[in-house]
Amino acid sequence: MNPWLLAAGVAALLLNLIHIFLGGREIHRPMVAAHWPEPAKAVWSVVWHATTAVMAFGGLALIAAAYRPDQALALSALPITLFVSAAVLFVFYGLKRLGSLWILPQWIAFSAISALAVVGLTV
């Protein structure tokens, strides 16, 4: 069992719980309640729940990789890529639209999860 990959997977699932419970209350529900056209609200909900699925399945894939060293790279490459992409997007839009990395600090969690997984692949 690879403790680094296991930690990355568990961290991804914990981040997903934060996304669901805190983010749902602070971000998703207010956006759905906003005065947007219904198709825009539907697209927003799809994107929100797709993000939930990516984090959940990514976390599960990293946990599986922790127990399958022969398939660790195959199981973890996509989640790592998706989490690094999310980190880059949070940094980009935080700086470009908000002028700060600290208003949207989610990049820290996505970077940490990715780093744990990469370390797990190299040990």
Foldseek 3Di string as FASTA:
>chain_A
DQVLLLVLLVLLVVVLVCCVPVVCVVPLVVVLVDPDPPVVNVVSVVVSVVVSVLSNQQSVLSNVLRVVVVCNCVSNVVSLVVLQVVLVVLCVCCCPVVVDSPVRVVSVSSVSSSVSSVVSNVD
